[in-house]
PDB file of N, CA and C in Angstrom:
ATOM      1  N   MET A   1      95.996 -52.290   1.065  1.00  0.00           N
ATOM      2  CA  MET A   1      96.097 -51.810  -0.110  1.00  0.00           C
ATOM      3  C   MET A   1      97.309 -50.798  -0.220  1.00  0.00           C
ATOM      4  N   LEU A   2      97.783 -50.273   1.191  1.00  0.00           N
ATOM      5  CA  LEU A   2      98.604 -49.402   1.369  1.00  0.00           C
ATOM      6  C   LEU A   2     100.323 -49.989   1.115  1.00  0.00           C
ATOM      7  N   ALA A   3     100.052 -51.244   1.617  1.00  0.00           N
ATOM      8  CA  ALA A   3     101.194 -52.058   1.185  1.00  0.00           C
ATOM      9  C   ALA A   3     101.524 -52.042  -0.316  1.00  0.00           C
ATOM     10  N   ILE A   4     100.615 -52.310  -1.201  1.00  0.00           N
ATOM     11  CA  ILE A   4     100.742 -52.900  -2.641  1.00  0.00           C
ATOM     12  C   ILE A   4     100.924 -51.110  -3.339  1.00  0.00           C
ATOM     13  N   THR A   5     100.671 -50.886  -2.334  1.00  0.00           N
ATOM     14  CA  THR A   5     100.830 -49.149  -3.234  1.00  0.00           C
ATOM     15  C   THR A   5     102.563 -48.722  -2.873  1.00  0.00           C
ATOM     16  N   ALA A   6     102.863 -49.290  -2.009  1.00  0.00           N
ATOM     17  CA  ALA A   6     104.141 -48.938  -1.129  1.00  0.00           C
ATOM     18  C   ALA A   6     105.241 -49.492  -1.911  1.00  0.00           C
ATOM     19  N   CYS A   7     105.019 -50.837  -2.492  1.00  0.00           N
ATOM     20  CA  CYS A   7     105.820 -51.339  -3.552  1.00  0.00           C
ATOM     21  C   CYS A   7     105.861 -51.015  -4.651  1.00  0.00           C
ATOM     22  N   GLY A   8     104.433 -50.431  -5.174  1.00  0.00           N
ATOM     23  CA  GLY A   8     105.021 -49.599  -6.686  1.00  0.00           C
ATOM     24  C   GLY A   8     105.127 -48.631  -6.723  1.00  0.00           C
ATOM     25  N   GLU A   9     105.490 -47.491  -5.276  1.00  0.00           N
ATOM     26  CA  GLU A   9     106.253 -45.972  -4.858  1.00  0.00           C
ATOM     27  C   GLU A   9     107.720 -46.933  -5.342  1.00  0.00           C
ATOM     28  N   ARG A  10     108.461 -47.882  -4.617  1.00  0.00           N
ATOM     29  CA  ARG A  10     109.530 -48.619  -4.611  1.00  0.00           C
ATOM     30  C   ARG A  10     109.791 -49.670  -5.155  1.00  0.00           C
ATOM     31  N   SER A  11     109.413 -49.421  -6.376  1.00  0.00           N
ATOM     32  CA  SER A  11     109.435 -50.389  -7.656  1.00  0.00           C
ATOM     33  C   SER A  11     110.719 -51.473  -7.833  1.00  0.00           C
ATOM     34  N   PHE A  12     111.554 -49.837  -7.869  1.00  0.00           N
ATOM     35  CA  PHE A  12     112.528 -50.269  -8.614  1.00  0.00           C
ATOM     36  C   PHE A  12     113.399 -51.425  -7.744  1.00  0.00           C
ATOM     37  N   SER A  13     113.268 -51.079  -6.234  1.00  0.00           N
ATOM     38  CA  SER A  13     114.301 -51.626  -4.960  1.00  0.00           C
ATOM     39  C   SER A  13     113.346 -52.993  -4.889  1.00  0.00           C
ATOM     40  N   CYS A  14     112.189 -53.338  -5.027  1.00  0.00           N
ATOM     41  CA  CYS A  14     111.011 -54.510  -4.912  1.00  0.00           C
ATOM     42  C   CYS A  14     112.146 -55.301  -6.157  1.00  0.00           C
ATOM     43  N   TYR A  15     111.952 -54.972  -7.126  1.00  0.00           N
ATOM     44  CA  TYR A  15     112.460 -55.356  -8.375  1.00  0.00           C
ATOM     45  C   TYR A  15     113.619 -56.233  -8.245  1.00  0.00           C
ATOM     46  N   LEU A  16     114.757 -55.064  -7.868  1.00  0.00           N
ATOM     47  CA  LEU A  16     115.996 -55.771  -7.702  1.00  0.00           C
ATOM     48  C   LEU A  16     116.038 -56.831  -6.244  1.00  0.00           C
ATOM     49  N   PHE A  17     115.167 -56.281  -5.127  1.00  0.00           N
ATOM     50  CA  PHE A  17     115.057 -57.425  -4.236  1.00  0.00           C
ATOM     51  C   PHE A  17     114.960 -58.762  -4.634  1.00  0.00           C
ATOM     52  N   GLN A  18     113.775 -59.145  -5.945  1.00  0.00           N
ATOM     53  CA  GLN A  18     113.083 -60.118  -6.027  1.00  0.00           C
ATOM     54  C   GLN A  18     114.071 -61.030  -6.710  1.00  0.00           C
ATOM     55  N   SER A  19     114.791 -59.995  -7.834  1.00  0.00           N
ATOM     56  CA  SER A  19     115.775 -60.277  -8.494  1.00  0.00           C
ATOM     57  C   SER A  19     117.311 -61.057  -8.166  1.00  0.00           C
ATOM     58  N   VAL A  20     117.425 -60.357  -7.012  1.00  0.00           N
ATOM     59  CA  VAL A  20     118.496 -61.213  -6.462  1.00  0.00           C
ATOM     60  C   VAL A  20     118.368 -62.598  -5.566  1.00  0.00           C
ATOM     61  N   VAL A  21     116.867 -62.291  -5.048  1.00  0.00           N
ATOM     62  CA  VAL A  21     116.726 -63.822  -4.595  1.00  0.00           C
ATOM     63  C   VAL A  21     116.459 -64.955  -5.243  1.00  0.00           C
ATOM     64  N   PHE A  22     115.707 -64.387  -6.368  1.00  0.00           N
ATOM     65  CA  PHE A  22     115.308 -65.613  -7.882  1.00  0.00           C
ATOM     66  C   PHE A  22     117.023 -66.380  -7.939  1.00  0.00           C
ATOM     67  N   VAL A  23     118.010 -65.228  -8.065  1.00  0.00           N
ATOM     68  CA  VAL A  23     119.263 -65.783  -8.490  1.00  0.00           C
ATOM     69  C   VAL A  23     119.890 -66.444  -7.667  1.00  0.00           C
ATOM     70  N   ALA A  24     119.849 -65.955  -6.172  1.00  0.00           N
ATOM     71  CA  ALA A  24     120.685 -66.863  -5.071  1.00  0.00           C
ATOM     72  C   ALA A  24     119.650 -68.283  -4.918  1.00  0.00           C
ATOM     73  N   LEU A  25     118.383 -68.045  -5.080  1.00  0.00           N
ATOM     74  CA  LEU A  25     117.659 -69.907  -4.387  1.00  0.00           C
ATOM     75  C   LEU A  25     117.304 -70.347  -5.989  1.00  0.00           C
ATOM     76  N   LEU A  26     117.509 -69.882  -7.417  1.00  0.00           N
ATOM     77  CA  LEU A  26     117.076 -70.878  -8.436  1.00  0.00           C
ATOM     78  C   LEU A  26     118.326 -70.883  -9.436  1.00  0.00           C
ATOM     79  N   SER A  27     119.002 -70.270  -9.347  1.00  0.00           N
ATOM     80  CA  SER A  27     120.169 -70.099 -10.508  1.00  0.00           C
ATOM     81  C   SER A  27     121.278 -71.707 -10.179  1.00  0.00           C
ATOM     82  N   SER A  28     121.633 -72.136 -11.106  1.00  0.00           N
ATOM     83  CA  SER A  28     122.526 -73.741 -10.916  1.00  0.00           C
ATOM     84  C   SER A  28     124.113 -73.116 -10.295  1.00  0.00           C
ATOM     85  N   TYR A  29     124.394 -72.121 -10.699  1.00  0.00           N
ATOM     86  CA  TYR A  29     125.748 -71.425  -9.985  1.00  0.00           C
ATOM     87  C   TYR A  29     125.539 -70.665  -8.633  1.00  0.00           C
ATOM     88  N   THR A  30     124.358 -71.194  -8.151  1.00  0.00           N
ATOM     89  CA  THR A  30     124.413 -70.581  -6.839  1.00  0.00           C
ATOM     90  C   THR A  30     123.882 -71.631  -5.894  1.00  0.00           C
ATOM     91  N   LEU A  31     122.911 -71.467  -5.007  1.00  0.00           N
ATOM     92  CA  LEU A  31     122.309 -72.581  -4.436  1.00  0.00           C
ATOM     93  C   LEU A  31     121.946 -73.839  -5.520  1.00  0.00           C
ATOM     94  N   GLY A  32     121.027 -73.616  -6.076  1.00  0.00           N
ATOM     95  CA  GLY A  32     120.945 -74.330  -7.082  1.00  0.00           C
ATOM     96  C   GLY A  32     119.633 -75.323  -7.141  1.00  0.00           C
ATOM     97  N   PRO A  33     118.753 -74.998  -6.146  1.00  0.00           N
ATOM     98  CA  PRO A  33     117.659 -76.102  -6.261  1.00  0.00           C
ATOM     99  C   PRO A  33     116.470 -75.908  -7.428  1.00  0.00           C
ATOM    100  N   GLY A  34     116.770 -74.750  -8.097  1.00  0.00           N
ATOM    101  CA  GLY A  34     115.664 -74.247  -9.140  1.00  0.00           C
ATOM    102  C   GLY A  34     115.816 -75.272 -10.462  1.00  0.00           C
ATOM    103  N   GLU A  35     117.104 -76.296 -10.554  1.00  0.00           N
ATOM    104  CA  GLU A  35     117.090 -77.100 -11.408  1.00  0.00           C
ATOM    105  C   GLU A  35     116.224 -78.616 -10.837  1.00  0.00           C
ATOM    106  N   THR A  36     115.860 -78.950  -9.597  1.00  0.00           N
ATOM    107  CA  THR A  36     115.208 -80.221  -9.120  1.00  0.00           C
ATOM    108  C   THR A  36     113.607 -79.558  -9.016  1.00  0.00           C
ATOM    109  N   LEU A  37     113.236 -78.083  -8.915  1.00  0.00           N
ATOM    110  CA  LEU A  37     112.091 -78.208  -8.248  1.00  0.00           C
ATOM    111  C   LEU A  37     111.252 -78.063  -9.958  1.00  0.00           C
ATOM    112  N   GLY A  38     109.551 -78.164  -9.052  1.00  0.00           N
ATOM    113  CA  GLY A  38     109.188 -78.241 -10.366  1.00  0.00           C
ATOM    114  C   GLY A  38     108.305 -76.813 -10.158  1.00  0.00           C
ATOM    115  N   THR A  39     107.228 -76.776 -11.362  1.00  0.00           N
ATOM    116  CA  THR A  39     106.625 -75.471 -11.213  1.00  0.00           C
ATOM    117  C   THR A  39     105.576 -75.169 -10.238  1.00  0.00           C
ATOM    118  N   ALA A  40     105.488 -75.597  -9.622  1.00  0.00           N
ATOM    119  CA  ALA A  40     104.539 -75.299  -8.256  1.00  0.00           C
ATOM    120  C   ALA A  40     105.423 -74.625  -7.093  1.00  0.00           C
ATOM    121  N   GLU A  41     106.762 -75.627  -6.997  1.00  0.00           N
ATOM    122  CA  GLU A  41     107.266 -75.082  -5.972  1.00  0.00           C
ATOM    123  C   GLU A  41     108.212 -73.822  -6.226  1.00  0.00           C
ATOM    124  N   VAL A  42     108.487 -73.639  -7.583  1.00  0.00           N
ATOM    125  CA  VAL A  42     109.244 -72.227  -7.847  1.00  0.00           C
ATOM    126  C   VAL A  42     107.878 -71.538  -7.969  1.00  0.00           C
ATOM    127  N   ALA A  43     106.829 -71.492  -8.199  1.00  0.00           N
ATOM    128  CA  ALA A  43     105.737 -70.206  -7.511  1.00  0.00           C
ATOM    129  C   ALA A  43     105.505 -70.070  -6.225  1.00  0.00           C
ATOM    130  N   VAL A  44     105.893 -70.911  -5.753  1.00  0.00           N
ATOM    131  CA  VAL A  44     105.177 -70.873  -4.162  1.00  0.00           C
ATOM    132  C   VAL A  44     106.654 -70.003  -3.591  1.00  0.00           C
ATOM    133  N   ILE A  45     107.829 -70.388  -4.451  1.00  0.00           N
ATOM    134  CA  ILE A  45     109.213 -68.975  -3.890  1.00  0.00           C
ATOM    135  C   ILE A  45     108.881 -67.760  -4.285  1.00  0.00           C
ATOM    136  N   ALA A  46     108.229 -67.616  -5.730  1.00  0.00           N
ATOM    137  CA  ALA A  46     107.667 -66.449  -5.976  1.00  0.00           C
ATOM    138  C   ALA A  46     106.594 -65.625  -5.258  1.00  0.00           C
ATOM    139  N   LEU A  47     105.502 -66.188  -5.070  1.00  0.00           N
ATOM    140  CA  LEU A  47     104.664 -65.876  -4.306  1.00  0.00           C
ATOM    141  C   LEU A  47     105.327 -65.501  -2.901  1.00  0.00           C
ATOM    142  N   ALA A  48     106.171 -66.142  -2.360  1.00  0.00           N
ATOM    143  CA  ALA A  48     106.702 -65.616  -0.724  1.00  0.00           C
ATOM    144  C   ALA A  48     107.794 -64.856  -1.553  1.00  0.00           C
ATOM    145  N   THR A  49     108.353 -64.684  -2.419  1.00  0.00           N
ATOM    146  CA  THR A  49     109.204 -63.494  -2.361  1.00  0.00           C
ATOM    147  C   THR A  49     108.660 -61.973  -2.823  1.00  0.00           C
ATOM    148  N   TRP A  50     107.031 -62.356  -3.676  1.00  0.00           N
ATOM    149  CA  TRP A  50     106.484 -60.972  -3.779  1.00  0.00           C
ATOM    150  C   TRP A  50     105.748 -60.451  -2.295  1.00  0.00           C
ATOM    151  N   VAL A  51     105.758 -61.570  -1.781  1.00  0.00           N
ATOM    152  CA  VAL A  51     104.797 -61.138  -0.108  1.00  0.00           C
ATOM    153  C   VAL A  51     106.120 -60.854   0.545  1.00  0.00           C
ATOM    154  N   VAL A  52     107.126 -60.716   0.710  1.00  0.00           N
ATOM    155  CA  VAL A  52     108.183 -60.020   1.384  1.00  0.00           C
ATOM    156  C   VAL A  52     108.433 -58.896   0.770  1.00  0.00           C
ATOM    157  N   SER A  53     108.528 -59.256  -0.623  1.00  0.00           N
ATOM    158  CA  SER A  53     108.846 -57.522  -1.284  1.00  0.00           C
ATOM    159  C   SER A  53     107.701 -56.627  -0.832  1.00  0.00           C
ATOM    160  N   VAL A  54     106.712 -56.727  -0.335  1.00  0.00           N
ATOM    161  CA  VAL A  54     105.306 -56.205  -0.496  1.00  0.00           C
ATOM    162  C   VAL A  54     105.202 -55.817   1.216  1.00  0.00           C
ATOM    163  N   LEU A  55     105.833 -56.580   2.091  1.00  0.00           N
ATOM    164  CA  LEU A  55     106.163 -55.971   3.420  1.00  0.00           C
ATOM    165  C   LEU A  55     107.248 -55.448   3.607  1.00  0.00           C
ATOM    166  N   LEU A  56     108.228 -55.790   3.107  1.00  0.00           N
ATOM    167  CA  LEU A  56     109.645 -54.757   3.318  1.00  0.00           C
ATOM    168  C   LEU A  56     109.544 -53.418   2.614  1.00  0.00           C
ATOM    169  N   ALA A  57     108.675 -52.912   1.477  1.00  0.00           N
ATOM    170  CA  ALA A  57     108.158 -51.754   0.994  1.00  0.00           C
ATOM    171  C   ALA A  57     107.207 -51.300   2.122  1.00  0.00           C
ATOM    172  N   ASP A  58     106.486 -52.017   2.732  1.00  0.00           N
ATOM    173  CA  ASP A  58     105.488 -51.317   3.347  1.00  0.00           C
ATOM    174  C   ASP A  58     106.270 -50.723   5.219  1.00  0.00           C
ATOM    175  N   LEU A  59     107.250 -51.575   4.885  1.00  0.00           N
ATOM    176  CA  LEU A  59     108.268 -51.109   6.691  1.00  0.00           C
ATOM    177  C   LEU A  59     108.824 -49.682   5.895  1.00  0.00           C
ATOM    178  N   LEU A  60     109.038 -49.742   4.998  1.00  0.00           N
ATOM    179  CA  LEU A  60     109.889 -48.703   4.542  1.00  0.00           C
ATOM    180  C   LEU A  60     108.885 -47.208   4.409  1.00  0.00           C
ATOM    181  N   ARG A  61     107.878 -47.212   3.970  1.00  0.00           N
ATOM    182  CA  ARG A  61     106.518 -46.454   4.103  1.00  0.00           C
ATOM    183  C   ARG A  61     106.408 -45.986   5.293  1.00  0.00           C
ATOM    184  N   GLN A  62     105.866 -47.031   6.092  1.00  0.00           N
ATOM    185  CA  GLN A  62     106.189 -46.437   7.464  1.00  0.00           C
ATOM    186  C   GLN A  62     106.567 -45.440   8.386  1.00  0.00           C
ATOM    187  N   ALA A  63     108.101 -46.035   7.907  1.00  0.00           N
ATOM    188  CA  ALA A  63     109.181 -45.280   8.087  1.00  0.00           C
ATOM    189  C   ALA A  63     109.732 -43.939   7.479  1.00  0.00           C
ATOM    190  N   GLY A  64     108.769 -43.940   6.258  1.00  0.00           N
ATOM    191  CA  GLY A  64     108.975 -42.597   5.511  1.00  0.00           C
ATOM    192  C   GLY A  64     110.266 -42.415   4.875  1.00  0.00           C
ATOM    193  N   VAL A  65     110.437 -44.105   4.346  1.00  0.00           N
ATOM    194  CA  VAL A  65     111.742 -43.799   3.682  1.00  0.00           C
ATOM    195  C   VAL A  65     111.521 -44.305   2.266  1.00  0.00           C
ATOM    196  N   ARG A  66     112.505 -43.464   1.429  1.00  0.00           N
ATOM    197  CA  ARG A  66     112.126 -43.966  -0.061  1.00  0.00           C
ATOM    198  C   ARG A  66     113.264 -45.545   0.146  1.00  0.00           C
ATOM    199  N   GLY A  67     112.827 -46.193  -1.107  1.00  0.00           N
ATOM    200  CA  GLY A  67     113.441 -47.479  -1.650  1.00  0.00           C
ATOM    201  C   GLY A  67     114.909 -46.928  -2.112  1.00  0.00           C
ATOM    202  N   PRO A  68     116.195 -47.951  -1.328  1.00  0.00           N
ATOM    203  CA  PRO A  68     117.216 -47.776  -1.725  1.00  0.00           C
ATOM    204  C   PRO A  68     117.836 -47.480  -2.945  1.00  0.00           C
ATOM    205  N   ALA A  69     116.979 -47.838  -4.042  1.00  0.00           N
ATOM    206  CA  ALA A  69     117.710 -48.149  -5.521  1.00  0.00           C
ATOM    207  C   ALA A  69     116.913 -46.654  -5.670  1.00  0.00           C
ATOM    208  N   GLU A  70     115.613 -46.433  -5.412  1.00  0.00           N
ATOM    209  CA  GLU A  70     114.934 -45.348  -5.924  1.00  0.00           C
ATOM    210  C   GLU A  70     116.458 -44.046  -5.586  1.00  0.00           C
ATOM    211  N   VAL A  71     116.824 -43.777  -3.932  1.00  0.00           N
ATOM    212  CA  VAL A  71     117.431 -42.906  -3.448  1.00  0.00           C
ATOM    213  C   VAL A  71     118.358 -43.228  -4.621  1.00  0.00           C
ATOM    214  N   LEU A  72     119.287 -44.030  -4.950  1.00  0.00           N
ATOM    215  CA  LEU A  72     121.018 -44.187  -5.499  1.00  0.00           C
ATOM    216  C   LEU A  72     120.356 -43.629  -6.742  1.00  0.00           C
ATOM    217  N   LEU A  73     119.257 -44.272  -7.470  1.00  0.00           N
ATOM    218  CA  LEU A  73     119.357 -43.570  -8.654  1.00  0.00           C
ATOM    219  C   LEU A  73     118.640 -41.682  -8.912  1.00  0.00           C
ATOM    220  N   ARG A  74     117.986 -41.552  -7.953  1.00  0.00           N
ATOM    221  CA  ARG A  74     117.714 -40.090  -7.722  1.00  0.00           C
ATOM    222  C   ARG A  74     118.995 -39.326  -7.375  1.00  0.00           C
ATOM    223  N   ARG A  75     119.730 -39.580  -6.867  1.00  0.00           N
ATOM    224  CA  ARG A  75     121.405 -39.346  -6.715  1.00  0.00           C
ATOM    225  C   ARG A  75     121.963 -39.140  -7.842  1.00  0.00           C
ATOM    226  N   LEU A  76     122.052 -40.650  -8.157  1.00  0.00           N
ATOM    227  CA  LEU A  76     123.117 -40.490  -9.465  1.00  0.00           C
ATOM    228  C   LEU A  76     122.357 -39.377 -10.906  1.00  0.00           C
ATOM    229  N   THR A  77     121.266 -39.543 -11.118  1.00  0.00           N
ATOM    230  CA  THR A  77     120.217 -38.395 -11.898  1.00  0.00           C
ATOM    231  C   THR A  77     120.500 -37.026 -11.847  1.00  0.00           C
ATOM    232  N   TYR A  78     120.543 -36.804 -10.659  1.00  0.00           N
ATOM    233  CA  TYR A  78     120.778 -34.916 -10.120  1.00  0.00           C
ATOM    234  C   TYR A  78     121.882 -35.078 -10.450  1.00  0.00           C
ATOM    235  N   ARG A  79     122.754 -35.927  -9.814  1.00  0.00           N
ATOM    236  CA  ARG A  79     124.139 -35.270  -9.771  1.00  0.00           C
ATOM    237  C   ARG A  79     124.716 -35.024 -11.180  1.00  0.00           C
ATOM    238  N   THR A  80     124.209 -36.355 -12.102  1.00  0.00           N
ATOM    239  CA  THR A  80     124.599 -36.134 -13.313  1.00  0.00           C
ATOM    240  C   THR A  80     123.823 -34.963 -14.010  1.00  0.00           C
ATOM    241  N   ALA A  81     122.688 -34.542 -13.749  1.00  0.00           N
ATOM    242  CA  ALA A  81     122.251 -33.197 -14.362  1.00  0.00           C
ATOM    243  C   ALA A  81     122.727 -31.628 -14.032  1.00  0.00           C
ATOM    244  N   ALA A  82     123.293 -32.250 -12.738  1.00  0.00           N
ATOM    245  CA  ALA A  82     123.599 -30.802 -12.098  1.00  0.00           C
ATOM    246  C   ALA A  82     124.986 -30.206 -12.928  1.00  0.00           C
ATOM    247  N   ARG A  83     125.376 -31.022 -13.733  1.00  0.00           N
ATOM    248  CA  ARG A  83     127.047 -30.639 -13.870  1.00  0.00           C
ATOM    249  C   ARG A  83     126.705 -30.139 -15.402  1.00  0.00           C
TER     250      ARG A  83
END
C-alpha cells in the first residue's frame, strides 16, 4: 500500500513517465507496434508500465526523494512567486 501512496505523492512524475513510455512504444512515428497490437496487448503494456511507475515511485520514497517533475515544478513555481 505504501508503494501506491508513493506513486500518488509523485503523480506528476509517474504521469510523465507513463506518457513517455506510451508514446515511445505505441506511436506510429516512434517504435510503432501500437498499430499492430490488439487491445489485450496494449492493456498488458499499460499495466506493466503502471507497475514499473509504482515500483520507481516506491524506490524514490525509500530514498526519501521527491519525484523529479514535482521538484522541477516546485522550483519553477516558487522562483516565479518570489519575484
